[in-house]
Amino acid sequence: MKRALLIAGGTIGGLGAVLTITPPDFSGTTLVATDTPAPGQTESAVPPASFTGSVVTTRYGNVQVKITVENGKITDAQAVQVPTGSSDRYTQMSVPVLRERTIAAQSANIQAVSGASFTSYGWYTSLASAIAKAGL
């Protein structure tokens, strides 16, 4: 019985470590194209909507991202929460870069910022959550 508990605990711990080190790859997702309006019809503009991702706890603090979506495109990405303190310099450097990469990629499939691995991973995870909430 003890051996089975140790094996189960080791398996769960190992799976948790793998998922922490290697984030899931969402690059295989596809966007659904919307229908174009018929001739004579005008396309109605969809007002911008904001979606806030989940809070991700990293080694240096929490990271949370909010995206603005307009007509099915990510038009803005803002940091709601970011680490402060000893990692503040790296965070301040990385957030604008992550924002630009998010808008350019129109997905969570972005590269991390060198020197800000934990903030980049938190951004990626929270961003993926916000994109899922937006249905993109």
C-alpha atoms as a PDB file:
ATOM      1  CA  MET A   1       0.000   0.000   0.000  1.00  0.00           C
ATOM      2  CA  LYS A   2       2.810   2.410   0.871  1.00  0.00           C
ATOM      3  CA  ARG A   3       4.567   1.643  -2.394  1.00  0.00           C
ATOM      4  CA  ALA A   4       1.410   2.426  -4.403  1.00  0.00           C
ATOM      5  CA  LEU A   5       1.026   5.766  -2.619  1.00  0.00           C
ATOM      6  CA  LEU A   6       4.665   6.644  -3.302  1.00  0.00           C
ATOM      7  CA  ILE A   7       4.305   5.734  -6.981  1.00  0.00           C
ATOM      8  CA  ALA A   8       1.078   7.739  -7.344  1.00  0.00           C
ATOM      9  CA  GLY A   9       2.572  10.716  -5.520  1.00  0.00           C
ATOM     10  CA  GLY A  10       5.726  10.600  -7.627  1.00  0.00           C
ATOM     11  CA  THR A  11       3.706  10.417 -10.827  1.00  0.00           C
ATOM     12  CA  ILE A  12       1.540  13.389  -9.892  1.00  0.00           C
ATOM     13  CA  GLY A  13       4.573  15.391  -8.750  1.00  0.00           C
ATOM     14  CA  GLY A  14       6.466  14.596 -11.943  1.00  0.00           C
ATOM     15  CA  LEU A  15       3.507  15.585 -14.104  1.00  0.00           C
ATOM     16  CA  GLY A  16       3.212  18.872 -12.209  1.00  0.00           C
ATOM     17  CA  ALA A  17       6.927  19.574 -12.715  1.00  0.00           C
ATOM     18  CA  VAL A  18       6.721  18.849 -16.449  1.00  0.00           C
ATOM     19  CA  LEU A  19       3.708  21.144 -16.898  1.00  0.00           C
ATOM     20  CA  THR A  20       5.447  23.904 -14.925  1.00  0.00           C
ATOM     21  CA  ILE A  21       8.646  23.710 -16.955  1.00  0.00           C
ATOM     22  CA  THR A  22       7.055  23.094 -20.373  1.00  0.00           C
ATOM     23  CA  PRO A  23       3.913  25.174 -20.932  1.00  0.00           C
ATOM     24  CA  PRO A  24       1.251  23.741 -23.220  1.00  0.00           C
ATOM     25  CA  ASP A  25       1.512  24.607 -26.917  1.00  0.00           C
ATOM     26  CA  PHE A  26      -1.580  26.394 -28.212  1.00  0.00           C
ATOM     27  CA  SER A  27      -0.145  26.978 -31.686  1.00  0.00           C
ATOM     28  CA  GLY A  28      -2.340  24.253 -33.165  1.00  0.00           C
ATOM     29  CA  THR A  29      -5.511  26.250 -32.553  1.00  0.00           C
ATOM     30  CA  THR A  30      -7.268  27.842 -35.475  1.00  0.00           C
ATOM     31  CA  LEU A  31      -9.439  30.899 -35.647  1.00  0.00           C
ATOM     32  CA  VAL A  32     -12.947  30.578 -37.033  1.00  0.00           C
ATOM     33  CA  ALA A  33     -13.556  32.927 -39.944  1.00  0.00           C
ATOM     34  CA  THR A  34     -16.675  35.039 -39.803  1.00  0.00           C
ATOM     35  CA  ASP A  35     -19.051  35.277 -42.718  1.00  0.00           C
ATOM     36  CA  THR A  36     -18.777  38.333 -44.912  1.00  0.00           C
ATOM     37  CA  PRO A  37     -21.938  40.375 -45.347  1.00  0.00           C
ATOM     38  CA  ALA A  38     -24.044  39.765 -48.456  1.00  0.00           C
ATOM     39  CA  PRO A  39     -23.994  42.413 -51.179  1.00  0.00           C
ATOM     40  CA  GLY A  40     -26.076  45.397 -50.131  1.00  0.00           C
ATOM     41  CA  GLN A  41     -25.687  44.637 -46.424  1.00  0.00           C
ATOM     42  CA  THR A  42     -23.425  46.694 -44.235  1.00  0.00           C
ATOM     43  CA  GLU A  43     -21.061  45.095 -41.806  1.00  0.00           C
ATOM     44  CA  SER A  44     -21.958  45.995 -38.254  1.00  0.00           C
ATOM     45  CA  ALA A  45     -19.050  47.058 -36.105  1.00  0.00           C
ATOM     46  CA  VAL A  46     -18.595  45.145 -32.900  1.00  0.00           C
ATOM     47  CA  PRO A  47     -17.662  47.379 -29.966  1.00  0.00           C
ATOM     48  CA  PRO A  48     -14.378  46.598 -28.230  1.00  0.00           C
ATOM     49  CA  ALA A  49     -14.559  44.158 -25.340  1.00  0.00           C
ATOM     50  CA  SER A  50     -12.037  43.448 -22.579  1.00  0.00           C
ATOM     51  CA  PHE A  51     -11.155  40.026 -21.228  1.00  0.00           C
ATOM     52  CA  THR A  52      -8.990  39.509 -18.162  1.00  0.00           C
ATOM     53  CA  GLY A  53      -6.897  36.366 -17.865  1.00  0.00           C
ATOM     54  CA  SER A  54      -6.333  34.342 -14.744  1.00  0.00           C
ATOM     55  CA  VAL A  55      -3.831  35.397 -12.103  1.00  0.00           C
ATOM     56  CA  VAL A  56      -0.611  33.409 -12.481  1.00  0.00           C
ATOM     57  CA  THR A  57       1.663  33.111  -9.482  1.00  0.00           C
ATOM     58  CA  THR A  58       5.342  33.130 -10.429  1.00  0.00           C
ATOM     59  CA  ARG A  59       8.510  32.983  -8.372  1.00  0.00           C
ATOM     60  CA  TYR A  60       8.693  36.788  -8.189  1.00  0.00           C
ATOM     61  CA  GLY A  61       5.003  37.686  -7.959  1.00  0.00           C
ATOM     62  CA  ASN A  62       1.636  37.535  -9.681  1.00  0.00           C
ATOM     63  CA  VAL A  63       1.079  38.219 -13.377  1.00  0.00           C
ATOM     64  CA  GLN A  64      -2.306  38.984 -14.929  1.00  0.00           C
ATOM     65  CA  VAL A  65      -3.092  40.206 -18.445  1.00  0.00           C
ATOM     66  CA  LYS A  66      -6.148  42.009 -19.850  1.00  0.00           C
ATOM     67  CA  ILE A  67      -6.763  42.059 -23.602  1.00  0.00           C
ATOM     68  CA  THR A  68      -9.031  44.274 -25.659  1.00  0.00           C
ATOM     69  CA  VAL A  69     -10.698  42.599 -28.620  1.00  0.00           C
ATOM     70  CA  GLU A  70     -12.363  44.488 -31.454  1.00  0.00           C
ATOM     71  CA  ASN A  71     -13.887  42.762 -34.487  1.00  0.00           C
ATOM     72  CA  GLY A  72     -12.181  39.485 -33.571  1.00  0.00           C
ATOM     73  CA  LYS A  73      -8.686  40.982 -33.276  1.00  0.00           C
ATOM     74  CA  ILE A  74      -6.568  41.716 -30.234  1.00  0.00           C
ATOM     75  CA  THR A  75      -6.092  45.485 -30.302  1.00  0.00           C
ATOM     76  CA  ASP A  76      -4.437  45.914 -26.907  1.00  0.00           C
ATOM     77  CA  ALA A  77      -2.870  43.901 -24.098  1.00  0.00           C
ATOM     78  CA  GLN A  78      -2.197  45.372 -20.671  1.00  0.00           C
ATOM     79  CA  ALA A  79      -0.603  44.053 -17.507  1.00  0.00           C
ATOM     80  CA  VAL A  80      -3.097  44.127 -14.640  1.00  0.00           C
ATOM     81  CA  GLN A  81      -0.595  42.640 -12.178  1.00  0.00           C
ATOM     82  CA  VAL A  82       3.162  42.197 -12.530  1.00  0.00           C
ATOM     83  CA  PRO A  83       5.986  41.320 -10.126  1.00  0.00           C
ATOM     84  CA  THR A  84       7.584  44.176  -8.216  1.00  0.00           C
ATOM     85  CA  GLY A  85      10.597  44.428  -5.972  1.00  0.00           C
ATOM     86  CA  SER A  86      13.884  42.828  -6.935  1.00  0.00           C
ATOM     87  CA  SER A  87      12.640  41.871 -10.404  1.00  0.00           C
ATOM     88  CA  ASP A  88      11.051  45.260 -11.145  1.00  0.00           C
ATOM     89  CA  ARG A  89      13.734  46.301 -13.647  1.00  0.00           C
ATOM     90  CA  TYR A  90      13.239  43.181 -15.756  1.00  0.00           C
ATOM     91  CA  THR A  91       9.460  43.408 -15.508  1.00  0.00           C
ATOM     92  CA  GLN A  92       9.396  47.037 -16.651  1.00  0.00           C
ATOM     93  CA  MET A  93      11.605  46.086 -19.590  1.00  0.00           C
ATOM     94  CA  SER A  94       9.608  43.012 -20.587  1.00  0.00           C
ATOM     95  CA  VAL A  95       5.966  44.153 -20.385  1.00  0.00           C
ATOM     96  CA  PRO A  96       6.079  46.529 -23.410  1.00  0.00           C
ATOM     97  CA  VAL A  97       7.862  43.865 -25.469  1.00  0.00           C
ATOM     98  CA  LEU A  98       5.328  41.181 -24.482  1.00  0.00           C
ATOM     99  CA  ARG A  99       2.489  43.590 -25.335  1.00  0.00           C
ATOM    100  CA  GLU A 100       3.908  44.240 -28.815  1.00  0.00           C
ATOM    101  CA  ARG A 101       4.495  40.528 -29.439  1.00  0.00           C
ATOM    102  CA  THR A 102       0.939  39.711 -28.354  1.00  0.00           C
ATOM    103  CA  ILE A 103      -0.634  42.238 -30.726  1.00  0.00           C
ATOM    104  CA  ALA A 104       1.633  41.153 -33.591  1.00  0.00           C
ATOM    105  CA  ALA A 105       0.981  37.418 -33.082  1.00  0.00           C
ATOM    106  CA  GLN A 106      -2.765  37.765 -32.352  1.00  0.00           C
ATOM    107  CA  SER A 107      -2.353  34.725 -30.108  1.00  0.00           C
ATOM    108  CA  ALA A 108      -0.526  33.440 -27.042  1.00  0.00           C
ATOM    109  CA  ASN A 109       2.137  31.925 -29.284  1.00  0.00           C
ATOM    110  CA  ILE A 110       4.817  34.505 -28.444  1.00  0.00           C
ATOM    111  CA  GLN A 111       8.486  34.325 -27.532  1.00  0.00           C
ATOM    112  CA  ALA A 112       9.628  35.002 -23.976  1.00  0.00           C
ATOM    113  CA  VAL A 113      11.720  38.047 -23.151  1.00  0.00           C
ATOM    114  CA  SER A 114      15.302  37.219 -22.223  1.00  0.00           C
ATOM    115  CA  GLY A 115      16.000  38.007 -18.578  1.00  0.00           C
ATOM    116  CA  ALA A 116      12.303  37.897 -17.672  1.00  0.00           C
ATOM    117  CA  SER A 117      11.506  34.204 -17.986  1.00  0.00           C
ATOM    118  CA  PHE A 118       9.095  34.042 -15.054  1.00  0.00           C
ATOM    119  CA  THR A 119       7.213  37.190 -16.072  1.00  0.00           C
ATOM    120  CA  SER A 120       7.087  35.928 -19.674  1.00  0.00           C
ATOM    121  CA  TYR A 121       5.662  32.580 -18.592  1.00  0.00           C
ATOM    122  CA  GLY A 122       3.083  34.289 -16.365  1.00  0.00           C
ATOM    123  CA  TRP A 123       2.126  36.610 -19.240  1.00  0.00           C
ATOM    124  CA  TYR A 124       1.784  33.658 -21.627  1.00  0.00           C
ATOM    125  CA  THR A 125      -0.410  31.669 -19.233  1.00  0.00           C
ATOM    126  CA  SER A 126      -2.662  34.590 -18.308  1.00  0.00           C
ATOM    127  CA  LEU A 127      -2.872  35.673 -21.953  1.00  0.00           C
ATOM    128  CA  ALA A 128      -3.937  32.177 -23.023  1.00  0.00           C
ATOM    129  CA  SER A 129      -6.677  32.324 -20.381  1.00  0.00           C
ATOM    130  CA  ALA A 130      -7.902  35.735 -21.602  1.00  0.00           C
ATOM    131  CA  ILE A 131      -7.892  34.543 -25.228  1.00  0.00           C
ATOM    132  CA  ALA A 132      -9.926  31.488 -24.238  1.00  0.00           C
ATOM    133  CA  LYS A 133     -12.455  33.740 -22.455  1.00  0.00           C
ATOM    134  CA  ALA A 134     -12.667  35.900 -25.580  1.00  0.00           C
ATOM    135  CA  GLY A 135     -13.355  32.823 -27.698  1.00  0.00           C
ATOM    136  CA  LEU A 136     -10.515  33.544 -30.093  1.00  0.00           C
END
